[in-house]
C-alpha atoms as a PDB file:
ATOM      1  CA  UNK A   1      -0.218   0.027   0.019  1.00  0.00           C
ATOM      2  CA  UNK A   2       2.554   2.516   0.901  1.00  0.00           C
ATOM      3  CA  UNK A   3       4.695   1.647  -2.480  1.00  0.00           C
ATOM      4  CA  UNK A   4       0.968   2.143  -4.415  1.00  0.00           C
ATOM      5  CA  UNK A   5       0.841   5.592  -2.415  1.00  0.00           C
ATOM      6  CA  UNK A   6       4.656   6.836  -3.200  1.00  0.00           C
ATOM      7  CA  UNK A   7       2.956   5.854  -7.132  1.00  0.00           C
ATOM      8  CA  UNK A   8       0.341   8.103  -7.237  1.00  0.00           C
ATOM      9  CA  UNK A   9       2.108  10.726  -5.590  1.00  0.00           C
ATOM     10  CA  UNK A  10       5.006  10.537  -8.166  1.00  0.00           C
ATOM     11  CA  UNK A  11       2.394  10.293 -10.856  1.00  0.00           C
ATOM     12  CA  UNK A  12       0.772  13.713 -10.048  1.00  0.00           C
ATOM     13  CA  UNK A  13       4.055  14.924  -9.652  1.00  0.00           C
ATOM     14  CA  UNK A  14       4.703  14.052 -13.106  1.00  0.00           C
ATOM     15  CA  UNK A  15       1.196  15.253 -14.526  1.00  0.00           C
ATOM     16  CA  UNK A  16       1.649  18.828 -12.648  1.00  0.00           C
ATOM     17  CA  UNK A  17       4.855  19.290 -13.772  1.00  0.00           C
ATOM     18  CA  UNK A  18       3.568  18.452 -17.649  1.00  0.00           C
ATOM     19  CA  UNK A  19       0.989  20.760 -17.289  1.00  0.00           C
ATOM     20  CA  UNK A  20       1.192  24.512 -19.749  1.00  0.00           C
ATOM     21  CA  UNK A  21       2.828  27.334 -18.004  1.00  0.00           C
ATOM     22  CA  UNK A  22       0.007  29.463 -18.786  1.00  0.00           C
ATOM     23  CA  UNK A  23      -2.628  27.169 -16.518  1.00  0.00           C
ATOM     24  CA  UNK A  24      -0.411  27.131 -14.128  1.00  0.00           C
ATOM     25  CA  UNK A  25       0.065  31.212 -14.268  1.00  0.00           C
ATOM     26  CA  UNK A  26      -3.551  31.195 -14.412  1.00  0.00           C
ATOM     27  CA  UNK A  27      -4.229  28.844 -11.485  1.00  0.00           C
ATOM     28  CA  UNK A  28      -1.676  31.065  -9.357  1.00  0.00           C
ATOM     29  CA  UNK A  29      -3.777  34.220 -10.328  1.00  0.00           C
ATOM     30  CA  UNK A  30      -7.096  33.100  -9.703  1.00  0.00           C
ATOM     31  CA  UNK A  31      -6.421  32.198  -6.075  1.00  0.00           C
ATOM     32  CA  UNK A  32      -5.121  35.441  -5.017  1.00  0.00           C
ATOM     33  CA  UNK A  33      -7.762  37.607  -6.904  1.00  0.00           C
ATOM     34  CA  UNK A  34      -6.058  38.148  -9.553  1.00  0.00           C
ATOM     35  CA  UNK A  35      -2.081  38.780  -8.345  1.00  0.00           C
ATOM     36  CA  UNK A  36       0.518  35.819  -8.164  1.00  0.00           C
ATOM     37  CA  UNK A  37       2.263  36.038  -5.145  1.00  0.00           C
ATOM     38  CA  UNK A  38       5.874  35.476  -6.642  1.00  0.00           C
ATOM     39  CA  UNK A  39       8.877  33.700  -5.536  1.00  0.00           C
ATOM     40  CA  UNK A  40      12.597  32.933  -7.433  1.00  0.00           C
ATOM     41  CA  UNK A  41      10.753  29.720  -8.931  1.00  0.00           C
ATOM     42  CA  UNK A  42       7.502  31.397  -9.842  1.00  0.00           C
ATOM     43  CA  UNK A  43       9.307  34.618 -11.294  1.00  0.00           C
ATOM     44  CA  UNK A  44      11.742  32.476 -13.754  1.00  0.00           C
ATOM     45  CA  UNK A  45       8.588  30.977 -14.844  1.00  0.00           C
ATOM     46  CA  UNK A  46       6.524  34.051 -15.435  1.00  0.00           C
ATOM     47  CA  UNK A  47       9.201  35.988 -17.278  1.00  0.00           C
ATOM     48  CA  UNK A  48      10.104  32.764 -18.848  1.00  0.00           C
ATOM     49  CA  UNK A  49      12.097  33.652 -22.484  1.00  0.00           C
ATOM     50  CA  UNK A  50       9.621  31.429 -24.198  1.00  0.00           C
ATOM     51  CA  UNK A  51       6.574  33.290 -23.007  1.00  0.00           C
ATOM     52  CA  UNK A  52       3.549  34.163 -25.251  1.00  0.00           C
ATOM     53  CA  UNK A  53       1.903  36.026 -22.336  1.00  0.00           C
ATOM     54  CA  UNK A  54       3.079  39.413 -21.269  1.00  0.00           C
ATOM     55  CA  UNK A  55       3.222  40.376 -17.192  1.00  0.00           C
ATOM     56  CA  UNK A  56       3.486  43.239 -14.684  1.00  0.00           C
ATOM     57  CA  UNK A  57       4.832  43.036 -11.914  1.00  0.00           C
ATOM     58  CA  UNK A  58       5.097  44.619  -8.871  1.00  0.00           C
ATOM     59  CA  UNK A  59       8.819  44.812  -6.888  1.00  0.00           C
ATOM     60  CA  UNK A  60       8.215  45.742  -3.188  1.00  0.00           C
ATOM     61  CA  UNK A  61       8.965  45.688   0.563  1.00  0.00           C
ATOM     62  CA  UNK A  62       5.717  45.005   2.844  1.00  0.00           C
ATOM     63  CA  UNK A  63       7.434  43.411   5.457  1.00  0.00           C
ATOM     64  CA  UNK A  64       6.829  46.004   8.680  1.00  0.00           C
ATOM     65  CA  UNK A  65      10.898  45.162   9.584  1.00  0.00           C
ATOM     66  CA  UNK A  66      11.425  47.274   5.915  1.00  0.00           C
ATOM     67  CA  UNK A  67       9.197  49.845   7.007  1.00  0.00           C
ATOM     68  CA  UNK A  68       8.456  50.798   3.369  1.00  0.00           C
ATOM     69  CA  UNK A  69       5.627  53.739   3.478  1.00  0.00           C
ATOM     70  CA  UNK A  70       5.346  54.036  -0.609  1.00  0.00           C
ATOM     71  CA  UNK A  71       5.232  50.286  -0.858  1.00  0.00           C
ATOM     72  CA  UNK A  72       1.983  50.268   1.290  1.00  0.00           C
ATOM     73  CA  UNK A  73       0.521  53.497  -0.017  1.00  0.00           C
ATOM     74  CA  UNK A  74       0.895  51.885  -3.760  1.00  0.00           C
ATOM     75  CA  UNK A  75      -0.149  48.427  -2.870  1.00  0.00           C
ATOM     76  CA  UNK A  76      -3.630  48.640  -2.965  1.00  0.00           C
ATOM     77  CA  UNK A  77      -4.091  50.669  -6.003  1.00  0.00           C
ATOM     78  CA  UNK A  78      -1.973  47.327  -7.674  1.00  0.00           C
ATOM     79  CA  UNK A  79      -4.666  45.185  -6.173  1.00  0.00           C
ATOM     80  CA  UNK A  80      -7.499  47.140  -7.193  1.00  0.00           C
ATOM     81  CA  UNK A  81      -6.296  47.123 -11.317  1.00  0.00           C
ATOM     82  CA  UNK A  82      -5.598  43.640 -10.983  1.00  0.00           C
ATOM     83  CA  UNK A  83      -9.335  42.634  -9.712  1.00  0.00           C
ATOM     84  CA  UNK A  84     -10.443  44.440 -12.196  1.00  0.00           C
ATOM     85  CA  UNK A  85      -8.445  42.796 -14.680  1.00  0.00           C
ATOM     86  CA  UNK A  86      -9.202  39.211 -13.216  1.00  0.00           C
ATOM     87  CA  UNK A  87     -13.392  40.152 -14.718  1.00  0.00           C
ATOM     88  CA  UNK A  88     -12.121  39.977 -18.142  1.00  0.00           C
ATOM     89  CA  UNK A  89     -12.819  36.978 -20.066  1.00  0.00           C
ATOM     90  CA  UNK A  90     -10.649  34.560 -19.769  1.00  0.00           C
ATOM     91  CA  UNK A  91      -9.280  34.326 -23.261  1.00  0.00           C
ATOM     92  CA  UNK A  92      -8.252  37.533 -22.842  1.00  0.00           C
ATOM     93  CA  UNK A  93      -7.146  37.641 -19.211  1.00  0.00           C
ATOM     94  CA  UNK A  94      -4.712  34.684 -19.416  1.00  0.00           C
ATOM     95  CA  UNK A  95      -2.421  36.893 -21.795  1.00  0.00           C
ATOM     96  CA  UNK A  96      -1.499  38.991 -19.269  1.00  0.00           C
ATOM     97  CA  UNK A  97      -0.507  38.631 -15.613  1.00  0.00           C
ATOM     98  CA  UNK A  98      -0.348  40.683 -12.785  1.00  0.00           C
ATOM     99  CA  UNK A  99       2.165  39.733 -10.222  1.00  0.00           C
ATOM    100  CA  UNK A 100       4.054  40.706  -6.769  1.00  0.00           C
ATOM    101  CA  UNK A 101       7.006  40.001  -5.966  1.00  0.00           C
ATOM    102  CA  UNK A 102       8.123  40.865  -2.394  1.00  0.00           C
ATOM    103  CA  UNK A 103      11.968  41.617  -1.310  1.00  0.00           C
ATOM    104  CA  UNK A 104      12.197  38.686   1.044  1.00  0.00           C
ATOM    105  CA  UNK A 105      10.953  36.026  -0.875  1.00  0.00           C
ATOM    106  CA  UNK A 106      13.643  36.485  -3.795  1.00  0.00           C
ATOM    107  CA  UNK A 107      16.146  39.252  -2.557  1.00  0.00           C
ATOM    108  CA  UNK A 108      18.551  37.963  -5.073  1.00  0.00           C
ATOM    109  CA  UNK A 109      16.198  38.645  -8.136  1.00  0.00           C
ATOM    110  CA  UNK A 110      16.406  42.110  -6.854  1.00  0.00           C
ATOM    111  CA  UNK A 111      20.173  42.150  -6.656  1.00  0.00           C
ATOM    112  CA  UNK A 112      19.892  40.185 -10.471  1.00  0.00           C
ATOM    113  CA  UNK A 113      18.198  43.430 -11.784  1.00  0.00           C
ATOM    114  CA  UNK A 114      19.875  45.863  -9.475  1.00  0.00           C
ATOM    115  CA  UNK A 115      16.579  47.115  -7.534  1.00  0.00           C
ATOM    116  CA  UNK A 116      17.895  49.476  -4.715  1.00  0.00           C
ATOM    117  CA  UNK A 117      14.210  50.979  -4.266  1.00  0.00           C
ATOM    118  CA  UNK A 118      10.994  50.116  -4.069  1.00  0.00           C
ATOM    119  CA  UNK A 119       8.165  50.344  -5.180  1.00  0.00           C
ATOM    120  CA  UNK A 120       9.352  49.156  -8.975  1.00  0.00           C
ATOM    121  CA  UNK A 121       6.845  47.706 -11.901  1.00  0.00           C
ATOM    122  CA  UNK A 122       8.135  46.230 -14.740  1.00  0.00           C
ATOM    123  CA  UNK A 123       6.025  45.560 -17.475  1.00  0.00           C
ATOM    124  CA  UNK A 124       7.434  42.268 -19.381  1.00  0.00           C
ATOM    125  CA  UNK A 125       5.994  41.946 -22.902  1.00  0.00           C
ATOM    126  CA  UNK A 126       5.410  38.754 -24.963  1.00  0.00           C
ATOM    127  CA  UNK A 127       8.526  36.593 -26.507  1.00  0.00           C
ATOM    128  CA  UNK A 128       6.730  34.589 -29.169  1.00  0.00           C
ATOM    129  CA  UNK A 129       3.220  34.363 -30.219  1.00  0.00           C
ATOM    130  CA  UNK A 130       0.520  36.356 -32.533  1.00  0.00           C
ATOM    131  CA  UNK A 131       1.621  39.511 -29.485  1.00  0.00           C
ATOM    132  CA  UNK A 132       5.226  39.367 -29.859  1.00  0.00           C
ATOM    133  CA  UNK A 133       6.945  42.748 -28.863  1.00  0.00           C
ATOM    134  CA  UNK A 134       9.370  44.029 -31.409  1.00  0.00           C
ATOM    135  CA  UNK A 135      11.566  44.609 -28.520  1.00  0.00           C
ATOM    136  CA  UNK A 136      10.898  42.327 -26.070  1.00  0.00           C
ATOM    137  CA  UNK A 137      12.813  43.822 -23.260  1.00  0.00           C
ATOM    138  CA  UNK A 138      11.090  44.518 -19.509  1.00  0.00           C
ATOM    139  CA  UNK A 139       9.599  48.495 -19.655  1.00  0.00           C
ATOM    140  CA  UNK A 140       9.409  50.111 -16.212  1.00  0.00           C
ATOM    141  CA  UNK A 141       6.246  51.742 -15.088  1.00  0.00           C
ATOM    142  CA  UNK A 142       6.570  55.762 -14.386  1.00  0.00           C
ATOM    143  CA  UNK A 143       4.900  57.323 -11.100  1.00  0.00           C
ATOM    144  CA  UNK A 144       5.230  60.782 -12.450  1.00  0.00           C
ATOM    145  CA  UNK A 145       1.208  60.318 -11.656  1.00  0.00           C
ATOM    146  CA  UNK A 146       1.540  59.005  -8.079  1.00  0.00           C
ATOM    147  CA  UNK A 147       0.305  55.960  -7.029  1.00  0.00           C
ATOM    148  CA  UNK A 148      -3.569  56.244  -7.541  1.00  0.00           C
ATOM    149  CA  UNK A 149      -5.350  53.059  -9.791  1.00  0.00           C
ATOM    150  CA  UNK A 150      -6.569  54.739 -12.329  1.00  0.00           C
ATOM    151  CA  UNK A 151      -3.340  56.301 -14.110  1.00  0.00           C
ATOM    152  CA  UNK A 152      -1.915  52.602 -13.272  1.00  0.00           C
ATOM    153  CA  UNK A 153      -4.780  51.092 -15.372  1.00  0.00           C
ATOM    154  CA  UNK A 154      -4.403  53.693 -17.823  1.00  0.00           C
ATOM    155  CA  UNK A 155      -0.885  53.073 -18.553  1.00  0.00           C
ATOM    156  CA  UNK A 156      -0.984  49.473 -18.180  1.00  0.00           C
ATOM    157  CA  UNK A 157      -3.551  49.003 -20.779  1.00  0.00           C
ATOM    158  CA  UNK A 158      -1.016  50.032 -23.639  1.00  0.00           C
ATOM    159  CA  UNK A 159       0.452  46.461 -22.724  1.00  0.00           C
ATOM    160  CA  UNK A 160      -2.917  44.241 -22.245  1.00  0.00           C
ATOM    161  CA  UNK A 161      -4.896  42.255 -25.269  1.00  0.00           C
ATOM    162  CA  UNK A 162      -7.373  44.827 -24.451  1.00  0.00           C
ATOM    163  CA  UNK A 163      -8.021  48.084 -21.883  1.00  0.00           C
ATOM    164  CA  UNK A 164      -8.405  46.760 -17.955  1.00  0.00           C
ATOM    165  CA  UNK A 165     -11.864  47.383 -17.136  1.00  0.00           C
ATOM    166  CA  UNK A 166     -11.196  50.050 -13.776  1.00  0.00           C
ATOM    167  CA  UNK A 167     -13.788  51.999 -12.540  1.00  0.00           C
ATOM    168  CA  UNK A 168     -12.700  54.100  -9.498  1.00  0.00           C
ATOM    169  CA  UNK A 169     -14.578  52.416  -6.356  1.00  0.00           C
ATOM    170  CA  UNK A 170     -17.335  54.810  -4.709  1.00  0.00           C
ATOM    171  CA  UNK A 171     -16.164  56.387  -1.655  1.00  0.00           C
ATOM    172  CA  UNK A 172     -19.126  55.812   0.582  1.00  0.00           C
ATOM    173  CA  UNK A 173     -17.454  57.323   3.399  1.00  0.00           C
ATOM    174  CA  UNK A 174     -17.225  60.665   1.659  1.00  0.00           C
ATOM    175  CA  UNK A 175     -20.692  60.504   0.606  1.00  0.00           C
ATOM    176  CA  UNK A 176     -21.717  59.779   4.211  1.00  0.00           C
ATOM    177  CA  UNK A 177     -20.223  62.524   5.583  1.00  0.00           C
ATOM    178  CA  UNK A 178     -21.580  64.702   2.731  1.00  0.00           C
ATOM    179  CA  UNK A 179     -24.957  63.447   3.050  1.00  0.00           C
ATOM    180  CA  UNK A 180     -24.795  64.285   7.310  1.00  0.00           C
ATOM    181  CA  UNK A 181     -23.157  67.661   6.593  1.00  0.00           C
ATOM    182  CA  UNK A 182     -26.032  68.589   3.848  1.00  0.00           C
ATOM    183  CA  UNK A 183     -28.910  67.206   6.526  1.00  0.00           C
ATOM    184  CA  UNK A 184     -26.954  69.244   9.203  1.00  0.00           C
ATOM    185  CA  UNK A 185     -26.465  72.360   7.834  1.00  0.00           C
ATOM    186  CA  UNK A 186     -30.461  72.224   6.668  1.00  0.00           C
ATOM    187  CA  UNK A 187     -31.388  71.325  10.102  1.00  0.00           C
ATOM    188  CA  UNK A 188     -29.170  73.865  11.365  1.00  0.00           C
ATOM    189  CA  UNK A 189     -30.946  76.790   9.021  1.00  0.00           C
ATOM    190  CA  UNK A 190     -33.937  76.374  10.280  1.00  0.00           C
ATOM    191  CA  UNK A 191     -33.101  77.431  13.743  1.00  0.00           C
ATOM    192  CA  UNK A 192     -30.671  80.065  12.890  1.00  0.00           C
ATOM    193  CA  UNK A 193     -32.255  81.205   9.928  1.00  0.00           C
ATOM    194  CA  UNK A 194     -34.923  83.152  12.217  1.00  0.00           C
ATOM    195  CA  UNK A 195     -32.151  84.742  13.911  1.00  0.00           C
ATOM    196  CA  UNK A 196     -30.203  85.567  11.359  1.00  0.00           C
ATOM    197  CA  UNK A 197     -33.069  87.374   9.190  1.00  0.00           C
ATOM    198  CA  UNK A 198     -33.454  89.325  12.221  1.00  0.00           C
ATOM    199  CA  UNK A 199     -33.413  92.963  11.969  1.00  0.00           C
ATOM    200  CA  UNK A 200     -32.027  92.906  15.691  1.00  0.00           C
ATOM    201  CA  UNK A 201     -29.004  90.821  14.696  1.00  0.00           C
ATOM    202  CA  UNK A 202     -28.046  92.865  11.835  1.00  0.00           C
ATOM    203  CA  UNK A 203     -28.378  96.085  14.323  1.00  0.00           C
ATOM    204  CA  UNK A 204     -25.999  94.329  16.874  1.00  0.00           C
ATOM    205  CA  UNK A 205     -23.604  93.451  14.345  1.00  0.00           C
ATOM    206  CA  UNK A 206     -23.370  96.834  12.850  1.00  0.00           C
ATOM    207  CA  UNK A 207     -23.146  98.292  16.000  1.00  0.00           C
ATOM    208  CA  UNK A 208     -20.442  96.024  17.050  1.00  0.00           C
ATOM    209  CA  UNK A 209     -18.598  96.366  13.789  1.00  0.00           C
ATOM    210  CA  UNK A 210     -18.754 100.317  13.994  1.00  0.00           C
ATOM    211  CA  UNK A 211     -17.196 100.512  17.439  1.00  0.00           C
ATOM    212  CA  UNK A 212     -14.392  98.389  16.562  1.00  0.00           C
ATOM    213  CA  UNK A 213     -13.629 100.153  13.161  1.00  0.00           C
ATOM    214  CA  UNK A 214     -14.314 102.855  15.268  1.00  0.00           C
ATOM    215  CA  UNK A 215     -11.606 101.719  17.815  1.00  0.00           C
ATOM    216  CA  UNK A 216      -8.763 101.528  15.585  1.00  0.00           C
ATOM    217  CA  UNK A 217      -9.291  98.211  14.219  1.00  0.00           C
ATOM    218  CA  UNK A 218      -8.023  99.027  10.543  1.00  0.00           C
ATOM    219  CA  UNK A 219      -5.430 101.197  11.850  1.00  0.00           C
ATOM    220  CA  UNK A 220      -3.786  98.311  13.841  1.00  0.00           C
ATOM    221  CA  UNK A 221      -3.776  95.936  11.062  1.00  0.00           C
ATOM    222  CA  UNK A 222      -2.616  98.203   8.651  1.00  0.00           C
ATOM    223  CA  UNK A 223       0.299  98.514  10.507  1.00  0.00           C
ATOM    224  CA  UNK A 224       0.584  95.031  11.386  1.00  0.00           C
ATOM    225  CA  UNK A 225       0.723  96.181  15.518  1.00  0.00           C
ATOM    226  CA  UNK A 226       1.222  93.613  18.137  1.00  0.00           C
ATOM    227  CA  UNK A 227      -1.697  92.653  20.639  1.00  0.00           C
ATOM    228  CA  UNK A 228       0.465  93.857  23.615  1.00  0.00           C
ATOM    229  CA  UNK A 229       3.945  95.064  23.898  1.00  0.00           C
ATOM    230  CA  UNK A 230       6.927  92.386  25.033  1.00  0.00           C
ATOM    231  CA  UNK A 231       6.767  93.755  28.677  1.00  0.00           C
ATOM    232  CA  UNK A 232       2.796  93.228  29.001  1.00  0.00           C
ATOM    233  CA  UNK A 233       1.979  97.067  28.412  1.00  0.00           C
ATOM    234  CA  UNK A 234      -1.315  96.995  26.028  1.00  0.00           C
ATOM    235  CA  UNK A 235      -0.886 101.037  26.123  1.00  0.00           C
ATOM    236  CA  UNK A 236       1.318 102.401  22.913  1.00  0.00           C
ATOM    237  CA  UNK A 237       2.824 105.665  23.761  1.00  0.00           C
ATOM    238  CA  UNK A 238       2.143 108.405  20.995  1.00  0.00           C
ATOM    239  CA  UNK A 239      -0.681 109.360  19.026  1.00  0.00           C
ATOM    240  CA  UNK A 240       0.551 107.041  16.045  1.00  0.00           C
ATOM    241  CA  UNK A 241       0.823 104.003  17.844  1.00  0.00           C
ATOM    242  CA  UNK A 242      -1.892 101.294  18.901  1.00  0.00           C
ATOM    243  CA  UNK A 243      -1.672  97.912  19.806  1.00  0.00           C
ATOM    244  CA  UNK A 244      -4.536  95.462  19.493  1.00  0.00           C
ATOM    245  CA  UNK A 245      -5.849  95.045  22.829  1.00  0.00           C
ATOM    246  CA  UNK A 246      -6.307  98.843  23.036  1.00  0.00           C
ATOM    247  CA  UNK A 247      -8.904  98.842  20.265  1.00  0.00           C
ATOM    248  CA  UNK A 248     -10.908  96.016  22.073  1.00  0.00           C
ATOM    249  CA  UNK A 249     -10.630  98.434  25.255  1.00  0.00           C
ATOM    250  CA  UNK A 250     -11.496 102.012  23.596  1.00  0.00           C
ATOM    251  CA  UNK A 251     -13.933  99.795  21.879  1.00  0.00           C
ATOM    252  CA  UNK A 252     -15.976  98.705  25.126  1.00  0.00           C
ATOM    253  CA  UNK A 253     -15.512 102.234  26.630  1.00  0.00           C
ATOM    254  CA  UNK A 254     -17.067 103.379  23.615  1.00  0.00           C
ATOM    255  CA  UNK A 255     -19.870 101.017  23.468  1.00  0.00           C
ATOM    256  CA  UNK A 256     -20.509 101.794  27.262  1.00  0.00           C
ATOM    257  CA  UNK A 257     -20.635 105.476  26.516  1.00  0.00           C
ATOM    258  CA  UNK A 258     -23.324 104.587  23.919  1.00  0.00           C
ATOM    259  CA  UNK A 259     -25.363 102.597  26.144  1.00  0.00           C
ATOM    260  CA  UNK A 260     -25.486 104.570  28.885  1.00  0.00           C
ATOM    261  CA  UNK A 261     -26.822 108.040  26.385  1.00  0.00           C
ATOM    262  CA  UNK A 262     -29.414 105.698  25.121  1.00  0.00           C
ATOM    263  CA  UNK A 263     -30.922 104.479  28.042  1.00  0.00           C
ATOM    264  CA  UNK A 264     -31.111 108.034  29.395  1.00  0.00           C
ATOM    265  CA  UNK A 265     -32.438 109.064  26.056  1.00  0.00           C
ATOM    266  CA  UNK A 266     -34.750 105.637  25.729  1.00  0.00           C
ATOM    267  CA  UNK A 267     -35.717 104.002  28.429  1.00  0.00           C
ATOM    268  CA  UNK A 268     -35.324 106.131  31.112  1.00  0.00           C
ATOM    269  CA  UNK A 269     -38.075 108.578  30.229  1.00  0.00           C
ATOM    270  CA  UNK A 270     -40.426 106.070  30.122  1.00  0.00           C
ATOM    271  CA  UNK A 271     -40.435 104.726  33.301  1.00  0.00           C
ATOM    272  CA  UNK A 272     -43.713 105.071  34.993  1.00  0.00           C
ATOM    273  CA  UNK A 273     -42.291 104.996  38.578  1.00  0.00           C
ATOM    274  CA  UNK A 274     -40.633 108.440  39.557  1.00  0.00           C
ATOM    275  CA  UNK A 275     -38.456 106.376  42.105  1.00  0.00           C
ATOM    276  CA  UNK A 276     -37.513 104.443  39.672  1.00  0.00           C
ATOM    277  CA  UNK A 277     -36.630 107.148  36.979  1.00  0.00           C
ATOM    278  CA  UNK A 278     -34.979 109.348  39.294  1.00  0.00           C
ATOM    279  CA  UNK A 279     -32.310 105.868  40.348  1.00  0.00           C
ATOM    280  CA  UNK A 280     -31.706 105.384  37.134  1.00  0.00           C
ATOM    281  CA  UNK A 281     -31.101 108.860  36.147  1.00  0.00           C
ATOM    282  CA  UNK A 282     -28.103 108.540  39.007  1.00  0.00           C
ATOM    283  CA  UNK A 283     -27.111 105.300  37.785  1.00  0.00           C
ATOM    284  CA  UNK A 284     -26.750 106.144  34.042  1.00  0.00           C
ATOM    285  CA  UNK A 285     -25.469 109.506  34.799  1.00  0.00           C
ATOM    286  CA  UNK A 286     -22.980 107.902  37.104  1.00  0.00           C
ATOM    287  CA  UNK A 287     -21.510 105.186  34.486  1.00  0.00           C
ATOM    288  CA  UNK A 288     -21.118 108.122  32.142  1.00  0.00           C
ATOM    289  CA  UNK A 289     -18.792 110.156  34.909  1.00  0.00           C
ATOM    290  CA  UNK A 290     -16.798 107.485  35.468  1.00  0.00           C
ATOM    291  CA  UNK A 291     -16.342 105.754  32.388  1.00  0.00           C
ATOM    292  CA  UNK A 292     -15.199 109.164  30.915  1.00  0.00           C
ATOM    293  CA  UNK A 293     -12.704 109.255  33.856  1.00  0.00           C
ATOM    294  CA  UNK A 294     -11.450 106.011  32.713  1.00  0.00           C
ATOM    295  CA  UNK A 295     -11.197 106.936  29.441  1.00  0.00           C
ATOM    296  CA  UNK A 296      -9.359 110.535  29.762  1.00  0.00           C
ATOM    297  CA  UNK A 297      -7.156 108.708  32.185  1.00  0.00           C
ATOM    298  CA  UNK A 298      -6.050 106.443  29.523  1.00  0.00           C
ATOM    299  CA  UNK A 299      -5.856 109.364  27.355  1.00  0.00           C
ATOM    300  CA  UNK A 300      -3.199 110.937  29.668  1.00  0.00           C
ATOM    301  CA  UNK A 301      -1.083 107.864  30.065  1.00  0.00           C
ATOM    302  CA  UNK A 302      -0.936 107.157  26.226  1.00  0.00           C
ATOM    303  CA  UNK A 303       0.085 110.686  25.847  1.00  0.00           C
ATOM    304  CA  UNK A 304       2.367 111.788  28.717  1.00  0.00           C
ATOM    305  CA  UNK A 305       2.116 115.435  29.742  1.00  0.00           C
ATOM    306  CA  UNK A 306      -1.892 115.810  29.028  1.00  0.00           C
ATOM    307  CA  UNK A 307      -2.934 117.663  32.042  1.00  0.00           C
ATOM    308  CA  UNK A 308      -6.815 117.037  32.627  1.00  0.00           C
ATOM    309  CA  UNK A 309      -8.249 114.466  34.414  1.00  0.00           C
ATOM    310  CA  UNK A 310     -11.639 113.947  35.388  1.00  0.00           C
ATOM    311  CA  UNK A 311     -12.000 111.799  38.715  1.00  0.00           C
ATOM    312  CA  UNK A 312      -9.070 109.028  37.871  1.00  0.00           C
END
């Protein structure tokens, strides 16, 4: 029985050895979604000097210890194009093969070809048969258009029996993100529109903008003034100098003074209670006096030698 088993195994090995090369390559490609994983012997088989087929071979180094980031970036595009070619009819598909040879599987091949960097792609044209090339020498793929699959498929289609039927896969993440963003924007507009269209919103924006510009914002932007001095001082000395923080403080003071006058002229006269009206007159008059005093004191610090002041 043992002798019979050995005889059967020898017969199977003999049949496999006699199997045509193109059938072996087709089986290897079909077993890995269109990409033949090469080692030394299968590389020699694929690049046989009597080949009637063409082949595109990716020379790469995907092992983590090699730290080849371009290899990892390009490999998905290579597999996408190979998978697209695997959908072609067998009559055409078996006339061109896609393969990948990793450095750790056959370093002697890299040395023989003088490959010192990765990834590299070589296209091997047919040496014999009806598609025999005029110059049956390997051609190197140009990565000038990057690692994307679309230009790769377009360039390799020049060497395949029929164009590679590659179509860019749908970026579902992008579509989902865009859809969520559009729906979110629509929901936001529903709640923001009443505020954005309110005259009070535009009135506040207009008043704040006017105060900021009156405070000297454009002056500091044109001169590219710092926000504060290096020593932390925010009041720039002299009439022709100003810091960014000074703009905010002056705008706030102007705004508070304007509010105080509005309260005195519009709100206080409408009070029905004499006591409340009298109290608000004193409050807003006091605010005006104090804030004006602060404004004059800032002016004195900014322009040393100014002799006048109110309370401060």
